[in-house]
Amino acid sequence: MSGKKKTTRQSSRTIALNKRARFDYFIEQSYEAGIALQGWEAKSLRNGSVQLKEGYVILKDGEAWLFGAHISPLASASTHVNPDPVRSRKLLLHRRELDKLLGAVERQGYTLVPLAMYWSKGRAKLEVGLAKGKKQHDKRISIKERDWKREKQRTLKRGTGP
């Protein structure tokens, strides 16, 4: 008998990224949270029809909630289910993590933003970042650094010799 090796592809584990969050915020810490989903939402995640750009996380009544994230329903969804693509979804975090986040958000002026959604052991997970907003001049510095890195890579690729 030949044993089949399980191959895990890193790129296939990622469902959605929020690139805008890293541009608009300084990410201090990140947390992994589970998401309470309905059946049609899990199927849509497998299809990859998720948008986190407009999403944000709110702590309310000692629980974390994801608002504004758009999960498009599949065309083949059941007729007796009325899908709401932007409904609020409960995030599953440990009590200690929730307490730490609550203190940071209320007292220190931080905000919680969704960074990425991915699969972990067959379950959908959301990476939540504890973030502080960037000012306009901070964004300009980020753009300069990104352009400099890109130019440096081009120079190294071309070679420095004649």
N, C-alpha and C. Protein backbone atom coordinates (compact mmCIF):
# COMPACT_ATOMS: atom_id res chain seq x y z
N MET A 1 0.83 -1.19 0.00
CA MET A 1 0.00 0.00 0.00
C MET A 1 0.87 1.24 0.00
N SER A 2 0.51 2.14 -0.82
CA SER A 2 1.26 3.39 -0.85
C SER A 2 0.51 4.44 -0.04
N GLY A 3 1.24 5.08 0.85
CA GLY A 3 0.63 6.12 1.68
C GLY A 3 0.63 7.45 0.94
N LYS A 4 -0.50 8.10 0.94
CA LYS A 4 -0.58 9.39 0.28
C LYS A 4 -0.17 10.47 1.25
N LYS A 5 0.64 11.39 0.76
CA LYS A 5 1.06 12.51 1.59
C LYS A 5 0.03 13.61 1.48
N LYS A 6 -0.23 14.22 2.62
CA LYS A 6 -1.13 15.36 2.61
C LYS A 6 -0.32 16.60 2.29
N THR A 7 -0.74 17.30 1.29
CA THR A 7 -0.05 18.54 0.94
C THR A 7 -0.91 19.71 1.40
N THR A 8 -0.29 20.60 2.11
CA THR A 8 -1.00 21.80 2.55
C THR A 8 -0.46 22.97 1.76
N ARG A 9 -1.35 23.63 1.07
CA ARG A 9 -0.97 24.80 0.30
C ARG A 9 -1.30 26.03 1.11
N GLN A 10 -0.29 26.86 1.32
CA GLN A 10 -0.47 28.05 2.13
C GLN A 10 -1.42 29.04 1.45
N SER A 11 -1.33 29.17 0.15
CA SER A 11 -2.16 30.14 -0.55
C SER A 11 -3.64 29.73 -0.54
N SER A 12 -3.92 28.43 -0.52
CA SER A 12 -5.31 28.00 -0.55
C SER A 12 -5.97 28.14 0.82
N ARG A 13 -5.19 28.33 1.86
CA ARG A 13 -5.76 28.48 3.20
C ARG A 13 -6.33 29.87 3.41
N THR A 14 -5.80 30.86 2.71
CA THR A 14 -6.26 32.23 2.86
C THR A 14 -7.55 32.43 2.07
N ILE A 15 -8.55 32.97 2.74
CA ILE A 15 -9.83 33.24 2.09
C ILE A 15 -9.87 34.68 1.59
N ALA A 16 -9.53 35.63 2.49
CA ALA A 16 -9.57 37.04 2.12
C ALA A 16 -8.55 37.81 2.95
N LEU A 17 -7.98 38.86 2.36
CA LEU A 17 -7.05 39.75 3.04
C LEU A 17 -7.61 41.15 3.04
N ASN A 18 -7.28 41.89 4.09
CA ASN A 18 -7.65 43.30 4.18
C ASN A 18 -6.36 44.12 4.10
N LYS A 19 -5.89 44.36 2.88
CA LYS A 19 -4.64 45.10 2.68
C LYS A 19 -4.78 46.55 3.12
N ARG A 20 -5.95 47.10 3.01
CA ARG A 20 -6.18 48.50 3.36
C ARG A 20 -5.96 48.74 4.85
N ALA A 21 -6.23 47.74 5.68
CA ALA A 21 -6.08 47.90 7.13
C ALA A 21 -4.63 48.16 7.51
N ARG A 22 -3.69 47.47 6.87
CA ARG A 22 -2.27 47.67 7.19
C ARG A 22 -1.78 49.02 6.69
N PHE A 23 -2.43 49.59 5.69
CA PHE A 23 -2.06 50.91 5.20
C PHE A 23 -2.63 52.01 6.10
N ASP A 24 -3.86 51.82 6.59
CA ASP A 24 -4.53 52.85 7.37
C ASP A 24 -4.22 52.82 8.86
N TYR A 25 -3.69 51.70 9.37
CA TYR A 25 -3.50 51.55 10.82
C TYR A 25 -2.11 51.00 11.13
N PHE A 26 -1.62 51.36 12.34
CA PHE A 26 -0.46 50.68 12.92
C PHE A 26 -1.02 49.48 13.67
N ILE A 27 -0.64 48.28 13.30
CA ILE A 27 -1.14 47.07 13.95
C ILE A 27 -0.21 46.74 15.11
N GLU A 28 -0.72 46.83 16.34
CA GLU A 28 0.08 46.57 17.53
C GLU A 28 0.14 45.07 17.83
N GLN A 29 -1.01 44.41 17.82
CA GLN A 29 -1.10 42.98 18.12
C GLN A 29 -2.18 42.38 17.24
N SER A 30 -2.07 41.07 17.03
CA SER A 30 -3.13 40.40 16.28
C SER A 30 -3.61 39.18 17.06
N TYR A 31 -4.87 38.89 16.91
CA TYR A 31 -5.51 37.77 17.59
C TYR A 31 -6.23 36.91 16.58
N GLU A 32 -6.31 35.61 16.87
CA GLU A 32 -7.05 34.68 16.02
C GLU A 32 -8.41 34.43 16.67
N ALA A 33 -9.46 34.66 15.91
CA ALA A 33 -10.82 34.48 16.42
C ALA A 33 -11.59 33.55 15.51
N GLY A 34 -12.40 32.70 16.10
CA GLY A 34 -13.32 31.89 15.33
C GLY A 34 -14.53 32.74 14.95
N ILE A 35 -15.31 32.27 14.00
CA ILE A 35 -16.48 33.02 13.54
C ILE A 35 -17.69 32.11 13.58
N ALA A 36 -18.79 32.61 14.13
CA ALA A 36 -20.04 31.87 14.13
C ALA A 36 -20.74 32.13 12.80
N LEU A 37 -20.79 31.11 11.96
CA LEU A 37 -21.34 31.26 10.61
C LEU A 37 -22.58 30.40 10.41
N GLN A 38 -23.39 30.79 9.44
CA GLN A 38 -24.50 29.96 9.00
C GLN A 38 -23.99 29.06 7.87
N GLY A 39 -24.78 28.06 7.50
CA GLY A 39 -24.35 27.10 6.50
C GLY A 39 -24.03 27.70 5.15
N TRP A 40 -24.87 28.61 4.67
CA TRP A 40 -24.64 29.22 3.37
C TRP A 40 -23.38 30.07 3.38
N GLU A 41 -23.05 30.65 4.55
CA GLU A 41 -21.85 31.48 4.64
C GLU A 41 -20.58 30.63 4.52
N ALA A 42 -20.60 29.46 5.13
CA ALA A 42 -19.43 28.58 5.03
C ALA A 42 -19.21 28.14 3.59
N LYS A 43 -20.28 27.87 2.87
CA LYS A 43 -20.16 27.49 1.46
C LYS A 43 -19.62 28.65 0.63
N SER A 44 -20.06 29.86 0.94
CA SER A 44 -19.56 31.03 0.22
C SER A 44 -18.09 31.27 0.52
N LEU A 45 -17.66 31.00 1.75
CA LEU A 45 -16.25 31.14 2.10
C LEU A 45 -15.41 30.17 1.28
N ARG A 46 -15.89 28.96 1.11
CA ARG A 46 -15.15 27.98 0.30
C ARG A 46 -15.03 28.46 -1.15
N ASN A 47 -16.02 29.21 -1.58
CA ASN A 47 -16.00 29.77 -2.93
C ASN A 47 -15.12 31.03 -3.00
N GLY A 48 -14.81 31.62 -1.85
CA GLY A 48 -13.93 32.79 -1.79
C GLY A 48 -14.60 34.11 -2.03
N SER A 49 -15.91 34.19 -1.83
CA SER A 49 -16.62 35.44 -2.09
C SER A 49 -16.83 36.23 -0.79
N VAL A 50 -15.71 36.80 -0.29
CA VAL A 50 -15.73 37.56 0.96
C VAL A 50 -14.99 38.88 0.73
N GLN A 51 -15.48 39.93 1.38
CA GLN A 51 -14.81 41.22 1.33
C GLN A 51 -14.72 41.78 2.74
N LEU A 52 -13.48 42.00 3.21
CA LEU A 52 -13.25 42.50 4.57
C LEU A 52 -12.96 43.99 4.61
N LYS A 53 -12.85 44.64 3.47
CA LYS A 53 -12.39 46.02 3.43
C LYS A 53 -13.28 46.95 4.26
N GLU A 54 -14.57 46.77 4.21
CA GLU A 54 -15.51 47.64 4.91
C GLU A 54 -15.78 47.15 6.34
N GLY A 55 -15.20 46.03 6.74
CA GLY A 55 -15.52 45.43 8.02
C GLY A 55 -14.80 46.08 9.20
N TYR A 56 -15.41 45.95 10.36
CA TYR A 56 -14.82 46.41 11.61
C TYR A 56 -15.36 45.55 12.75
N VAL A 57 -14.66 45.58 13.88
CA VAL A 57 -15.02 44.75 15.02
C VAL A 57 -15.45 45.65 16.17
N ILE A 58 -16.55 45.28 16.80
CA ILE A 58 -17.08 46.03 17.96
C ILE A 58 -17.18 45.08 19.14
N LEU A 59 -16.83 45.58 20.31
CA LEU A 59 -17.01 44.83 21.56
C LEU A 59 -18.28 45.35 22.22
N LYS A 60 -19.27 44.46 22.37
CA LYS A 60 -20.56 44.86 22.93
C LYS A 60 -21.04 43.78 23.88
N ASP A 61 -21.38 44.15 25.09
CA ASP A 61 -21.88 43.24 26.12
C ASP A 61 -20.91 42.09 26.39
N GLY A 62 -19.62 42.39 26.38
CA GLY A 62 -18.61 41.38 26.67
C GLY A 62 -18.39 40.38 25.55
N GLU A 63 -18.85 40.69 24.34
CA GLU A 63 -18.68 39.82 23.18
C GLU A 63 -18.13 40.64 22.02
N ALA A 64 -17.42 39.97 21.12
CA ALA A 64 -16.88 40.62 19.93
C ALA A 64 -17.77 40.31 18.73
N TRP A 65 -18.05 41.33 17.93
CA TRP A 65 -18.91 41.18 16.76
C TRP A 65 -18.23 41.77 15.53
N LEU A 66 -18.35 41.08 14.42
CA LEU A 66 -17.82 41.55 13.14
C LEU A 66 -18.96 42.20 12.37
N PHE A 67 -18.79 43.49 12.06
CA PHE A 67 -19.79 44.23 11.31
C PHE A 67 -19.22 44.62 9.95
N GLY A 68 -20.09 44.72 8.96
CA GLY A 68 -19.73 45.29 7.68
C GLY A 68 -18.97 44.38 6.73
N ALA A 69 -18.56 43.21 7.16
CA ALA A 69 -17.88 42.28 6.24
C ALA A 69 -18.94 41.69 5.31
N HIS A 70 -18.63 41.66 4.03
CA HIS A 70 -19.61 41.23 3.03
C HIS A 70 -19.29 39.81 2.56
N ILE A 71 -20.21 38.88 2.81
CA ILE A 71 -20.10 37.52 2.31
C ILE A 71 -21.23 37.33 1.30
N SER A 72 -20.87 37.21 0.04
CA SER A 72 -21.87 37.10 -1.02
C SER A 72 -22.52 35.72 -1.00
N PRO A 73 -23.84 35.65 -1.03
CA PRO A 73 -24.50 34.35 -1.07
C PRO A 73 -24.32 33.70 -2.44
N LEU A 74 -24.26 32.39 -2.43
CA LEU A 74 -24.14 31.64 -3.68
C LEU A 74 -25.47 31.68 -4.44
N ALA A 75 -25.39 31.57 -5.74
CA ALA A 75 -26.60 31.55 -6.56
C ALA A 75 -27.39 30.28 -6.31
N SER A 76 -26.70 29.21 -5.91
CA SER A 76 -27.37 27.93 -5.68
C SER A 76 -27.82 27.75 -4.24
N ALA A 77 -27.94 28.86 -3.50
CA ALA A 77 -28.38 28.79 -2.11
C ALA A 77 -29.84 28.34 -2.04
N SER A 78 -30.19 27.80 -0.91
CA SER A 78 -31.54 27.29 -0.72
C SER A 78 -32.57 28.42 -0.80
N THR A 79 -33.76 28.08 -1.24
CA THR A 79 -34.81 29.09 -1.41
C THR A 79 -35.48 29.46 -0.09
N HIS A 80 -35.45 28.57 0.91
CA HIS A 80 -36.12 28.88 2.17
C HIS A 80 -35.24 29.67 3.14
N VAL A 81 -33.98 29.92 2.76
CA VAL A 81 -33.08 30.72 3.58
C VAL A 81 -32.97 32.10 2.96
N ASN A 82 -33.15 33.14 3.80
CA ASN A 82 -33.04 34.51 3.32
C ASN A 82 -31.67 35.05 3.73
N PRO A 83 -30.67 34.96 2.84
CA PRO A 83 -29.31 35.37 3.22
C PRO A 83 -29.15 36.89 3.31
N ASP A 84 -28.47 37.33 4.38
CA ASP A 84 -28.13 38.73 4.56
C ASP A 84 -26.61 38.84 4.44
N PRO A 85 -26.08 39.39 3.36
CA PRO A 85 -24.63 39.37 3.13
C PRO A 85 -23.81 40.18 4.12
N VAL A 86 -24.39 41.20 4.76
CA VAL A 86 -23.61 42.03 5.68
C VAL A 86 -24.11 41.93 7.13
N ARG A 87 -24.67 40.81 7.49
CA ARG A 87 -25.17 40.66 8.87
C ARG A 87 -24.00 40.66 9.85
N SER A 88 -24.28 40.94 11.11
CA SER A 88 -23.24 40.93 12.13
C SER A 88 -22.98 39.48 12.52
N ARG A 89 -21.70 39.16 12.67
CA ARG A 89 -21.29 37.79 13.00
C ARG A 89 -20.51 37.80 14.30
N LYS A 90 -20.82 36.85 15.16
CA LYS A 90 -20.16 36.78 16.46
C LYS A 90 -18.76 36.19 16.29
N LEU A 91 -17.79 36.81 16.96
CA LEU A 91 -16.43 36.31 16.96
C LEU A 91 -16.19 35.54 18.24
N LEU A 92 -15.49 34.42 18.13
CA LEU A 92 -15.27 33.54 19.25
C LEU A 92 -13.85 33.72 19.77
N LEU A 93 -13.74 34.38 20.93
CA LEU A 93 -12.45 34.64 21.57
C LEU A 93 -12.51 34.17 23.02
N HIS A 94 -11.36 33.91 23.61
CA HIS A 94 -11.31 33.54 25.02
C HIS A 94 -11.64 34.76 25.88
N ARG A 95 -12.18 34.52 27.06
CA ARG A 95 -12.58 35.60 27.97
C ARG A 95 -11.40 36.51 28.30
N ARG A 96 -10.23 35.93 28.52
CA ARG A 96 -9.04 36.72 28.87
C ARG A 96 -8.67 37.66 27.71
N GLU A 97 -8.77 37.16 26.48
CA GLU A 97 -8.48 38.00 25.32
C GLU A 97 -9.51 39.12 25.18
N LEU A 98 -10.77 38.79 25.40
CA LEU A 98 -11.82 39.81 25.32
C LEU A 98 -11.60 40.91 26.35
N ASP A 99 -11.24 40.52 27.57
CA ASP A 99 -11.01 41.52 28.61
C ASP A 99 -9.83 42.42 28.26
N LYS A 100 -8.77 41.83 27.71
CA LYS A 100 -7.59 42.61 27.32
C LYS A 100 -7.94 43.59 26.19
N LEU A 101 -8.71 43.11 25.22
CA LEU A 101 -9.11 43.96 24.10
C LEU A 101 -10.05 45.08 24.55
N LEU A 102 -10.95 44.75 25.45
CA LEU A 102 -11.90 45.73 25.95
C LEU A 102 -11.16 46.86 26.66
N GLY A 103 -10.17 46.51 27.48
CA GLY A 103 -9.38 47.53 28.17
C GLY A 103 -8.61 48.40 27.19
N ALA A 104 -8.03 47.81 26.18
CA ALA A 104 -7.25 48.58 25.20
C ALA A 104 -8.13 49.50 24.37
N VAL A 105 -9.30 49.02 23.98
CA VAL A 105 -10.19 49.82 23.14
C VAL A 105 -10.79 50.97 23.93
N GLU A 106 -11.22 50.72 25.15
CA GLU A 106 -11.90 51.76 25.93
C GLU A 106 -10.95 52.79 26.51
N ARG A 107 -9.81 52.35 27.05
CA ARG A 107 -8.93 53.26 27.77
C ARG A 107 -7.82 53.84 26.91
N GLN A 108 -7.29 53.09 25.98
CA GLN A 108 -6.09 53.51 25.28
C GLN A 108 -6.34 54.01 23.87
N GLY A 109 -7.58 54.04 23.43
CA GLY A 109 -7.89 54.61 22.13
C GLY A 109 -7.56 53.74 20.93
N TYR A 110 -7.49 52.44 21.13
CA TYR A 110 -7.24 51.54 20.02
C TYR A 110 -8.54 51.17 19.34
N THR A 111 -8.44 50.57 18.17
CA THR A 111 -9.60 50.05 17.45
C THR A 111 -9.28 48.63 16.99
N LEU A 112 -10.31 47.88 16.67
CA LEU A 112 -10.14 46.50 16.21
C LEU A 112 -10.54 46.42 14.74
N VAL A 113 -9.62 45.89 13.93
CA VAL A 113 -9.89 45.77 12.50
C VAL A 113 -9.64 44.33 12.05
N PRO A 114 -10.47 43.81 11.13
CA PRO A 114 -10.20 42.48 10.57
C PRO A 114 -9.06 42.56 9.57
N LEU A 115 -8.07 41.67 9.72
CA LEU A 115 -6.90 41.69 8.84
C LEU A 115 -6.96 40.62 7.77
N ALA A 116 -7.36 39.40 8.16
CA ALA A 116 -7.38 38.30 7.20
C ALA A 116 -8.38 37.25 7.65
N MET A 117 -8.89 36.51 6.68
CA MET A 117 -9.75 35.37 6.97
C MET A 117 -9.10 34.16 6.31
N TYR A 118 -9.03 33.05 7.04
CA TYR A 118 -8.34 31.87 6.53
C TYR A 118 -8.93 30.62 7.15
N TRP A 119 -8.54 29.47 6.60
CA TRP A 119 -8.95 28.16 7.11
C TRP A 119 -7.87 27.64 8.05
N SER A 120 -8.28 27.10 9.17
CA SER A 120 -7.37 26.45 10.10
C SER A 120 -8.06 25.19 10.62
N LYS A 121 -7.53 24.04 10.24
CA LYS A 121 -8.08 22.74 10.64
C LYS A 121 -9.56 22.62 10.26
N GLY A 122 -9.91 23.11 9.08
CA GLY A 122 -11.28 22.99 8.57
C GLY A 122 -12.25 24.01 9.13
N ARG A 123 -11.78 24.94 9.92
CA ARG A 123 -12.65 25.97 10.49
C ARG A 123 -12.20 27.35 9.99
N ALA A 124 -13.17 28.22 9.79
CA ALA A 124 -12.86 29.57 9.33
C ALA A 124 -12.40 30.40 10.53
N LYS A 125 -11.27 31.07 10.36
CA LYS A 125 -10.71 31.92 11.41
C LYS A 125 -10.54 33.33 10.86
N LEU A 126 -10.62 34.30 11.76
CA LEU A 126 -10.43 35.69 11.40
C LEU A 126 -9.28 36.24 12.22
N GLU A 127 -8.33 36.87 11.55
CA GLU A 127 -7.23 37.53 12.25
C GLU A 127 -7.68 38.96 12.53
N VAL A 128 -7.76 39.30 13.82
CA VAL A 128 -8.20 40.61 14.25
C VAL A 128 -6.99 41.38 14.77
N GLY A 129 -6.83 42.61 14.32
CA GLY A 129 -5.69 43.42 14.74
C GLY A 129 -6.10 44.52 15.69
N LEU A 130 -5.32 44.67 16.75
CA LEU A 130 -5.47 45.79 17.68
C LEU A 130 -4.65 46.93 17.08
N ALA A 131 -5.32 48.00 16.68
CA ALA A 131 -4.66 48.99 15.83
C ALA A 131 -4.90 50.42 16.30
N LYS A 132 -3.96 51.28 15.94
CA LYS A 132 -4.10 52.72 16.11
C LYS A 132 -4.08 53.34 14.72
N GLY A 133 -4.89 54.34 14.50
CA GLY A 133 -4.99 54.96 13.18
C GLY A 133 -3.74 55.74 12.81
N LYS A 134 -3.41 55.74 11.52
CA LYS A 134 -2.28 56.51 11.02
C LYS A 134 -2.76 57.89 10.60
N LYS A 135 -1.88 58.86 10.74
CA LYS A 135 -2.14 60.20 10.23
C LYS A 135 -1.69 60.24 8.76
N GLN A 136 -2.01 61.32 8.08
CA GLN A 136 -1.68 61.43 6.66
C GLN A 136 -0.18 61.37 6.41
N HIS A 137 0.61 62.01 7.28
CA HIS A 137 2.06 61.99 7.06
C HIS A 137 2.64 60.60 7.31
N ASP A 138 2.02 59.82 8.18
CA ASP A 138 2.47 58.44 8.39
C ASP A 138 2.22 57.60 7.14
N LYS A 139 1.11 57.86 6.47
CA LYS A 139 0.79 57.12 5.25
C LYS A 139 1.78 57.46 4.14
N ARG A 140 2.18 58.73 4.10
CA ARG A 140 3.17 59.13 3.09
C ARG A 140 4.49 58.41 3.31
N ILE A 141 4.88 58.27 4.56
CA ILE A 141 6.12 57.55 4.89
C ILE A 141 6.00 56.09 4.45
N SER A 142 4.84 55.48 4.68
CA SER A 142 4.62 54.09 4.26
C SER A 142 4.75 53.95 2.74
N ILE A 143 4.20 54.91 2.02
CA ILE A 143 4.28 54.87 0.55
C ILE A 143 5.73 55.00 0.10
N LYS A 144 6.49 55.92 0.73
CA LYS A 144 7.90 56.10 0.37
C LYS A 144 8.69 54.82 0.62
N GLU A 145 8.46 54.20 1.77
CA GLU A 145 9.17 52.95 2.09
C GLU A 145 8.83 51.85 1.10
N ARG A 146 7.57 51.73 0.74
CA ARG A 146 7.14 50.70 -0.20
C ARG A 146 7.77 50.93 -1.57
N ASP A 147 7.79 52.20 -2.02
CA ASP A 147 8.40 52.51 -3.31
C ASP A 147 9.91 52.26 -3.29
N TRP A 148 10.56 52.59 -2.17
CA TRP A 148 11.99 52.36 -2.05
C TRP A 148 12.31 50.87 -2.09
N LYS A 149 11.53 50.06 -1.42
CA LYS A 149 11.76 48.61 -1.44
C LYS A 149 11.58 48.06 -2.86
N ARG A 150 10.57 48.55 -3.56
CA ARG A 150 10.31 48.10 -4.93
C ARG A 150 11.47 48.49 -5.85
N GLU A 151 11.95 49.73 -5.72
CA GLU A 151 13.07 50.20 -6.54
C GLU A 151 14.35 49.44 -6.22
N LYS A 152 14.57 49.13 -4.95
CA LYS A 152 15.75 48.38 -4.53
C LYS A 152 15.73 46.98 -5.13
N GLN A 153 14.55 46.34 -5.14
CA GLN A 153 14.43 45.01 -5.74
C GLN A 153 14.70 45.05 -7.24
N ARG A 154 14.21 46.08 -7.90
CA ARG A 154 14.47 46.22 -9.34
C ARG A 154 15.96 46.37 -9.61
N THR A 155 16.63 47.18 -8.80
CA THR A 155 18.06 47.41 -8.97
C THR A 155 18.84 46.12 -8.75
N LEU A 156 18.49 45.37 -7.71
CA LEU A 156 19.17 44.12 -7.43
C LEU A 156 18.90 43.09 -8.53
N LYS A 157 17.72 43.10 -9.07
CA LYS A 157 17.38 42.13 -10.12
C LYS A 157 18.16 42.42 -11.41
N ARG A 158 18.30 43.72 -11.75
CA ARG A 158 19.04 44.11 -12.94
C ARG A 158 20.54 43.85 -12.78
N GLY A 159 21.01 43.95 -11.57
CA GLY A 159 22.45 43.79 -11.33
C GLY A 159 23.13 45.13 -11.28
N THR A 160 24.18 45.22 -10.48
CA THR A 160 24.85 46.49 -10.30
C THR A 160 26.06 46.66 -11.22
N GLY A 161 26.51 45.57 -11.83
CA GLY A 161 27.70 45.62 -12.70
C GLY A 161 27.38 46.16 -14.08
N PRO A 162 28.43 46.51 -14.88
CA PRO A 162 28.20 47.08 -16.23
C PRO A 162 27.75 46.05 -17.25
